[in-house]
Amino acid sequence: QLQLVESGGGLVQPGGSLRLSCVASGSTLDTYAIGWFRQAPGKEREGVSCVSSSGGSRKFADSVKGRFTLSRDSAKNRVYLQMNSLKPEDTAVYYCAAGLPRLLFRTCVSGEYDYWGQGTQVTVSS
C-alpha cells in the first residue's frame, strides 16, 4: 500500500517561494503518475502540476505556468513542487497524489489518482 506524506507548507509573503515535498513509502513512485493538487476554501480541488508515469506527459494549471515546477528524486522516492513568485490566490491546502498507470489515464484529473497525502497548508499573505 502506497503512502504519501507532504511537507514544506507554511506562510510566505507575496513574491516569495516555497518547495513542497512528498515522500512515499510502501512502493516506488517511479511506476506511478504523480500530481500536485490544491484546494482553497469554498473551491473545488484543482490540478496544479502533474506528470505521467513515463514522464512523457506533463500538465500545469494555466495559473501557475512559469512559476511552479514538479520534479522527482527517484533515489529518495520523493517528488517536489517548487513554487516561485507566489500570489495570495495560491493560498490553499496542497496535496500530493499518485495514480496507477492504465490505458487512457487522464493526467491531472483528480478522480484518476488512487493515493493521496494528508495535505499541507500554503498561505500567501503580507
Foldseek 3Di string as FASTA:
>chain_A
DKAKAKDWADEAAAQAKIKMKIAIPPDAQLQWKKWKWWDDPPDDIFTAWIAGSVRPDIDGDPVQPPFWDWDDDRVRSMIMIIGGRDDQVVWTWMKMFIAHDDPPQDIGDVVRTDYIHPTDTHGYHD
